[in-house]
Amino acid sequence: MAKEQRRPNNRQERMERRVEMAKRDDVEVVPKRAAETNDFIRLLTSNDFIINRLRQQLGRRNGVPVEQAVQFLERNETLRQEMNTLNAEICASMGMDYRPPRGFDNPLKKEAELKVVEEKKKTKAK
């Protein structure tokens, strides 16, 4: 029993570490509501670390060639935009308004606005 009292409470330590991290300016807190969120959090954490390292190695002698790094960064941006589009499409299929996160636009709203503008042009042309 004495051993159990000496052993630190791992759960409490993890919770304290998370609270301390949440206080930092460079950390975002992500609520987990869906089962897939854990996977996304782990992937995003890994991606954040790797992209940061990639940018640090740009232009270095033994680093990743610039052309290849640019391709990786472009793919990374494409994936971010694809996730935004997926969210918008899911919301549209459920009849919900999609409010994209800061820095993103609703891609479906743009398409709808373009259709309206095109229809107005056609009407004026007649």
Protein backbone atom coordinates (compact mmCIF):
# COMPACT_ATOMS: atom_id res chain seq x y z
CA MET A 1 0.00 0.00 0.00
CA ALA A 2 2.91 2.33 0.64
CA LYS A 3 4.00 1.88 -2.98
CA GLU A 4 0.60 2.95 -4.27
CA GLN A 5 0.76 6.18 -2.28
CA ARG A 6 4.21 7.01 -3.65
CA ARG A 7 3.21 6.38 -7.24
CA PRO A 8 2.19 9.64 -8.95
CA ASN A 9 -1.33 9.92 -10.20
CA ASN A 10 -0.71 9.68 -13.96
CA ARG A 11 -4.19 10.83 -14.89
CA GLN A 12 -3.89 13.92 -12.72
CA GLU A 13 -0.44 14.71 -14.14
CA ARG A 14 -1.72 14.42 -17.72
CA MET A 15 -4.64 16.70 -16.90
CA GLU A 16 -2.33 19.28 -15.33
CA ARG A 17 -0.01 19.12 -18.35
CA ARG A 18 -2.97 19.68 -20.69
CA VAL A 19 -4.21 22.64 -18.66
CA GLU A 20 -0.73 24.19 -18.70
CA MET A 21 -0.49 23.69 -22.47
CA ALA A 22 -3.94 25.23 -22.99
CA LYS A 23 -2.66 28.43 -21.36
CA ARG A 24 0.04 28.85 -24.01
CA ASP A 25 -0.43 31.20 -26.96
CA ASP A 26 0.68 28.62 -29.53
CA VAL A 27 -1.78 25.91 -28.47
CA GLU A 28 -5.39 25.45 -29.56
CA VAL A 29 -7.88 23.37 -27.60
CA VAL A 30 -9.95 20.98 -29.71
CA PRO A 31 -13.10 19.44 -28.24
CA LYS A 32 -13.66 15.79 -29.10
CA ARG A 33 -17.22 14.97 -30.09
CA ALA A 34 -16.75 12.42 -32.88
CA ALA A 35 -14.77 9.20 -32.72
CA GLU A 36 -12.61 10.29 -35.67
CA THR A 37 -11.45 13.44 -33.90
CA ASN A 38 -8.70 11.61 -32.01
CA ASP A 39 -7.23 10.46 -35.30
CA PHE A 40 -7.42 13.97 -36.77
CA ILE A 41 -5.79 15.48 -33.69
CA ARG A 42 -2.91 13.02 -33.89
CA LEU A 43 -2.52 13.59 -37.64
CA LEU A 44 -2.62 17.37 -37.23
CA THR A 45 -0.11 17.29 -34.39
CA SER A 46 2.21 15.18 -36.52
CA ASN A 47 1.64 17.42 -39.54
CA ASP A 48 2.36 20.54 -37.51
CA PHE A 49 5.69 19.13 -36.33
CA ILE A 50 6.70 17.84 -39.78
CA ILE A 51 5.74 21.00 -41.71
CA ASN A 52 7.64 23.11 -39.19
CA ARG A 53 10.74 20.93 -39.64
CA LEU A 54 10.34 21.04 -43.43
CA ARG A 55 10.31 24.85 -43.40
CA GLN A 56 13.36 24.91 -41.12
CA GLN A 57 15.32 22.73 -43.53
CA LEU A 58 14.52 24.74 -46.66
CA GLY A 59 17.68 25.95 -48.33
CA ARG A 60 19.98 23.89 -46.14
CA ARG A 61 22.69 21.77 -47.70
CA ASN A 62 21.29 18.41 -46.53
CA GLY A 63 17.68 19.57 -46.42
CA VAL A 64 14.78 18.79 -48.69
CA PRO A 65 15.17 20.29 -52.18
CA VAL A 66 13.13 23.48 -52.57
CA GLU A 67 11.10 22.11 -55.50
CA GLN A 68 10.07 19.07 -53.48
CA ALA A 69 9.30 21.15 -50.38
CA VAL A 70 7.08 23.45 -52.43
CA GLN A 71 5.18 20.41 -53.74
CA PHE A 72 4.68 19.14 -50.17
CA LEU A 73 3.45 22.53 -48.98
CA GLU A 74 1.07 22.80 -51.94
CA ARG A 75 -0.33 19.33 -51.19
CA ASN A 76 -0.72 20.32 -47.55
CA GLU A 77 -2.74 23.40 -48.61
CA THR A 78 -4.84 21.29 -50.99
CA LEU A 79 -5.71 18.92 -48.14
CA ARG A 80 -6.73 21.82 -45.91
CA GLN A 81 -8.99 23.22 -48.64
CA GLU A 82 -10.42 19.76 -49.31
CA MET A 83 -11.36 19.38 -45.63
CA ASN A 84 -13.07 22.78 -45.77
CA THR A 85 -15.00 21.72 -48.89
CA LEU A 86 -15.99 18.41 -47.29
CA ASN A 87 -17.34 20.23 -44.24
CA ALA A 88 -19.35 22.59 -46.46
CA GLU A 89 -20.79 19.70 -48.49
CA ILE A 90 -21.80 17.75 -45.39
CA CYS A 91 -23.53 20.82 -43.94
CA ALA A 92 -25.32 21.46 -47.23
CA SER A 93 -26.57 17.86 -47.36
CA MET A 94 -27.98 18.25 -43.83
CA GLY A 95 -29.54 21.64 -44.62
CA MET A 96 -27.22 23.45 -42.22
CA ASP A 97 -25.45 26.75 -42.80
CA TYR A 98 -21.70 26.27 -42.94
CA ARG A 99 -19.64 28.83 -41.10
CA PRO A 100 -16.04 28.13 -42.07
CA PRO A 101 -13.25 28.73 -39.58
CA ARG A 102 -11.33 32.00 -39.65
CA GLY A 103 -9.16 32.24 -42.75
CA PHE A 104 -11.41 30.05 -44.90
CA ASP A 105 -14.35 30.79 -47.18
CA ASN A 106 -17.41 28.66 -47.81
CA PRO A 107 -16.59 27.11 -51.21
CA LEU A 108 -20.23 26.26 -51.91
CA LYS A 109 -21.33 29.82 -51.28
CA LYS A 110 -18.94 31.00 -53.98
CA GLU A 111 -20.38 28.51 -56.45
CA ALA A 112 -23.94 29.64 -55.64
CA GLU A 113 -22.95 33.29 -56.02
CA LEU A 114 -21.31 32.56 -59.38
CA LYS A 115 -24.49 30.87 -60.63
CA VAL A 116 -26.57 33.89 -59.61
CA VAL A 117 -24.18 36.26 -61.38
CA GLU A 118 -24.21 34.08 -64.51
CA GLU A 119 -28.01 33.96 -64.51
CA LYS A 120 -28.18 37.77 -64.19
CA LYS A 121 -25.80 38.13 -67.14
CA LYS A 122 -27.93 35.79 -69.24
CA THR A 123 -31.09 37.72 -68.34
CA LYS A 124 -29.50 41.06 -69.29
CA ALA A 125 -28.22 39.62 -72.57
CA LYS A 126 -31.76 38.67 -73.64
